[in-house]
Amino acid sequence: MIEKQIEHYLVHQIGLLNGLCFKFVSPSNAGVPDRLCLIYGYAFFVETKAPGEKPRELQKAIAKQIRKRGTKVYCLSSKEQVDDLIRSLSAGMLPQESRYDRI
């Protein structure tokens, strides 16, 4: 499974719940997560990776800055992780980031 497949699956699953999952590009800020998701009143970022891949140091630093401001950043590297996130959201919970690949 490649990163794009996981990212596409995330977008599709969030959309099925009537959420939005924007491709997030910040031209002058490298390292920002791939997606900004809005669903059920929650806003969070998701960085997708192929299984076994790790975030770059710059991505880790940006995620730390985002978290310091109270916003969650998830790193997902499988369809199963996407499914787990979706189950939590469907139950009205925003899960702990530590349940997934920590970025």
C-alpha atoms as a PDB file:
ATOM      1  CA  MET A   1       0.000   0.000   0.000  1.00  0.00           C
ATOM      2  CA  ILE A   2       1.332   3.422  -0.897  1.00  0.00           C
ATOM      3  CA  GLU A   3       0.797   6.743   0.850  1.00  0.00           C
ATOM      4  CA  LYS A   4      -1.599   8.074  -1.792  1.00  0.00           C
ATOM      5  CA  GLN A   5      -3.908   5.080  -1.332  1.00  0.00           C
ATOM      6  CA  ILE A   6      -4.118   5.676   2.413  1.00  0.00           C
ATOM      7  CA  GLU A   7      -4.682   9.395   1.875  1.00  0.00           C
ATOM      8  CA  HIS A   8      -7.437   8.724  -0.685  1.00  0.00           C
ATOM      9  CA  TYR A   9      -9.076   6.237   1.684  1.00  0.00           C
ATOM     10  CA  LEU A  10      -9.000   8.816   4.509  1.00  0.00           C
ATOM     11  CA  VAL A  11     -10.650  11.456   2.295  1.00  0.00           C
ATOM     12  CA  HIS A  12     -13.318   8.989   1.182  1.00  0.00           C
ATOM     13  CA  GLN A  13     -14.120   7.786   4.712  1.00  0.00           C
ATOM     14  CA  ILE A  14     -14.323  11.319   6.139  1.00  0.00           C
ATOM     15  CA  GLY A  15     -16.572  12.289   3.208  1.00  0.00           C
ATOM     16  CA  LEU A  16     -18.927   9.371   3.919  1.00  0.00           C
ATOM     17  CA  LEU A  17     -19.535  10.957   7.331  1.00  0.00           C
ATOM     18  CA  ASN A  18     -20.246  14.330   5.683  1.00  0.00           C
ATOM     19  CA  GLY A  19     -16.901  15.707   6.839  1.00  0.00           C
ATOM     20  CA  LEU A  20     -14.359  17.687   4.861  1.00  0.00           C
ATOM     21  CA  CYS A  21     -10.781  16.638   4.299  1.00  0.00           C
ATOM     22  CA  PHE A  22      -8.814  19.371   2.562  1.00  0.00           C
ATOM     23  CA  LYS A  23      -5.460  18.864   0.912  1.00  0.00           C
ATOM     24  CA  PHE A  24      -3.394  21.292   2.913  1.00  0.00           C
ATOM     25  CA  VAL A  25      -0.586  23.091   1.141  1.00  0.00           C
ATOM     26  CA  SER A  26       1.293  25.957   2.707  1.00  0.00           C
ATOM     27  CA  PRO A  27       3.640  27.238  -0.008  1.00  0.00           C
ATOM     28  CA  SER A  28       6.169  28.948   2.240  1.00  0.00           C
ATOM     29  CA  ASN A  29       5.997  26.365   5.047  1.00  0.00           C
ATOM     30  CA  ALA A  30       7.433  22.955   4.245  1.00  0.00           C
ATOM     31  CA  GLY A  31       6.599  20.113   6.600  1.00  0.00           C
ATOM     32  CA  VAL A  32       2.909  20.810   7.212  1.00  0.00           C
ATOM     33  CA  PRO A  33       0.679  17.710   7.391  1.00  0.00           C
ATOM     34  CA  ASP A  34      -1.042  16.423   4.249  1.00  0.00           C
ATOM     35  CA  ARG A  35      -4.659  16.975   5.237  1.00  0.00           C
ATOM     36  CA  LEU A  36      -6.825  19.287   7.314  1.00  0.00           C
ATOM     37  CA  CYS A  37      -9.963  17.428   8.410  1.00  0.00           C
ATOM     38  CA  LEU A  38     -13.184  19.022   9.653  1.00  0.00           C
ATOM     39  CA  ILE A  39     -15.881  16.772  11.050  1.00  0.00           C
ATOM     40  CA  TYR A  40     -18.447  16.884  13.869  1.00  0.00           C
ATOM     41  CA  GLY A  41     -17.055  20.189  15.126  1.00  0.00           C
ATOM     42  CA  TYR A  42     -13.490  18.867  15.270  1.00  0.00           C
ATOM     43  CA  ALA A  43     -10.542  20.178  13.294  1.00  0.00           C
ATOM     44  CA  PHE A  44      -7.315  18.182  13.096  1.00  0.00           C
ATOM     45  CA  PHE A  45      -4.413  17.473  10.784  1.00  0.00           C
ATOM     46  CA  VAL A  46      -3.428  14.127   9.292  1.00  0.00           C
ATOM     47  CA  GLU A  47      -0.058  13.167   7.858  1.00  0.00           C
ATOM     48  CA  THR A  48      -0.275   9.978   5.805  1.00  0.00           C
ATOM     49  CA  LYS A  49       2.666   7.660   5.320  1.00  0.00           C
ATOM     50  CA  ALA A  50       3.204   4.352   3.585  1.00  0.00           C
ATOM     51  CA  PRO A  51       3.554   1.480   6.059  1.00  0.00           C
ATOM     52  CA  GLY A  52       7.000   1.562   7.634  1.00  0.00           C
ATOM     53  CA  GLU A  53       7.780   5.138   6.585  1.00  0.00           C
ATOM     54  CA  LYS A  54       8.586   7.692   9.269  1.00  0.00           C
ATOM     55  CA  PRO A  55       7.965  11.457   9.281  1.00  0.00           C
ATOM     56  CA  ARG A  56      10.893  13.711   8.441  1.00  0.00           C
ATOM     57  CA  GLU A  57      12.420  15.816  11.216  1.00  0.00           C
ATOM     58  CA  LEU A  58      10.844  18.974   9.754  1.00  0.00           C
ATOM     59  CA  GLN A  59       7.420  17.301   9.800  1.00  0.00           C
ATOM     60  CA  LYS A  60       7.934  16.385  13.449  1.00  0.00           C
ATOM     61  CA  ALA A  61       8.898  19.968  14.302  1.00  0.00           C
ATOM     62  CA  ILE A  62       5.841  21.409  12.541  1.00  0.00           C
ATOM     63  CA  ALA A  63       3.545  18.872  14.240  1.00  0.00           C
ATOM     64  CA  LYS A  64       4.983  19.928  17.601  1.00  0.00           C
ATOM     65  CA  GLN A  65       4.220  23.597  16.826  1.00  0.00           C
ATOM     66  CA  ILE A  66       0.645  22.699  15.840  1.00  0.00           C
ATOM     67  CA  ARG A  67       0.112  20.655  19.008  1.00  0.00           C
ATOM     68  CA  LYS A  68       1.411  23.482  21.196  1.00  0.00           C
ATOM     69  CA  ARG A  69      -1.566  25.457  19.919  1.00  0.00           C
ATOM     70  CA  GLY A  70      -4.062  22.793  20.946  1.00  0.00           C
ATOM     71  CA  THR A  71      -4.699  21.039  17.628  1.00  0.00           C
ATOM     72  CA  LYS A  72      -4.218  17.315  17.135  1.00  0.00           C
ATOM     73  CA  VAL A  73      -1.955  15.874  14.453  1.00  0.00           C
ATOM     74  CA  TYR A  74      -2.344  12.232  13.491  1.00  0.00           C
ATOM     75  CA  CYS A  75       0.083  10.165  11.446  1.00  0.00           C
ATOM     76  CA  LEU A  76      -1.719   7.293   9.734  1.00  0.00           C
ATOM     77  CA  SER A  77      -0.015   4.551   7.759  1.00  0.00           C
ATOM     78  CA  SER A  78      -2.734   1.969   7.145  1.00  0.00           C
ATOM     79  CA  LYS A  79      -6.398   1.616   6.256  1.00  0.00           C
ATOM     80  CA  GLU A  80      -6.899  -0.006   9.656  1.00  0.00           C
ATOM     81  CA  GLN A  81      -5.680   3.157  11.375  1.00  0.00           C
ATOM     82  CA  VAL A  82      -8.051   5.234   9.245  1.00  0.00           C
ATOM     83  CA  ASP A  83     -10.893   2.882  10.195  1.00  0.00           C
ATOM     84  CA  ASP A  84     -10.015   3.213  13.888  1.00  0.00           C
ATOM     85  CA  LEU A  85     -10.013   7.001  13.628  1.00  0.00           C
ATOM     86  CA  ILE A  86     -13.381   6.913  11.847  1.00  0.00           C
ATOM     87  CA  ARG A  87     -14.872   4.623  14.527  1.00  0.00           C
ATOM     88  CA  SER A  88     -13.759   7.035  17.250  1.00  0.00           C
ATOM     89  CA  LEU A  89     -15.146  10.040  15.398  1.00  0.00           C
ATOM     90  CA  SER A  90     -18.435   8.214  14.779  1.00  0.00           C
ATOM     91  CA  ALA A  91     -18.656   7.590  18.529  1.00  0.00           C
ATOM     92  CA  GLY A  92     -18.201  11.324  19.158  1.00  0.00           C
ATOM     93  CA  MET A  93     -14.587  11.129  20.333  1.00  0.00           C
ATOM     94  CA  LEU A  94     -11.381  12.635  19.059  1.00  0.00           C
ATOM     95  CA  PRO A  95      -8.849   9.903  19.902  1.00  0.00           C
ATOM     96  CA  GLN A  96      -5.452  10.335  21.495  1.00  0.00           C
ATOM     97  CA  GLU A  97      -2.678  10.757  18.945  1.00  0.00           C
ATOM     98  CA  SER A  98      -0.628   8.062  20.663  1.00  0.00           C
ATOM     99  CA  ARG A  99      -3.021   5.407  19.279  1.00  0.00           C
ATOM    100  CA  TYR A 100      -1.414   5.912  15.875  1.00  0.00           C
ATOM    101  CA  ASP A 101       2.058   6.402  14.457  1.00  0.00           C
ATOM    102  CA  ARG A 102       3.361   9.252  16.563  1.00  0.00           C
ATOM    103  CA  ILE A 103       4.681  12.132  14.506  1.00  0.00           C
END
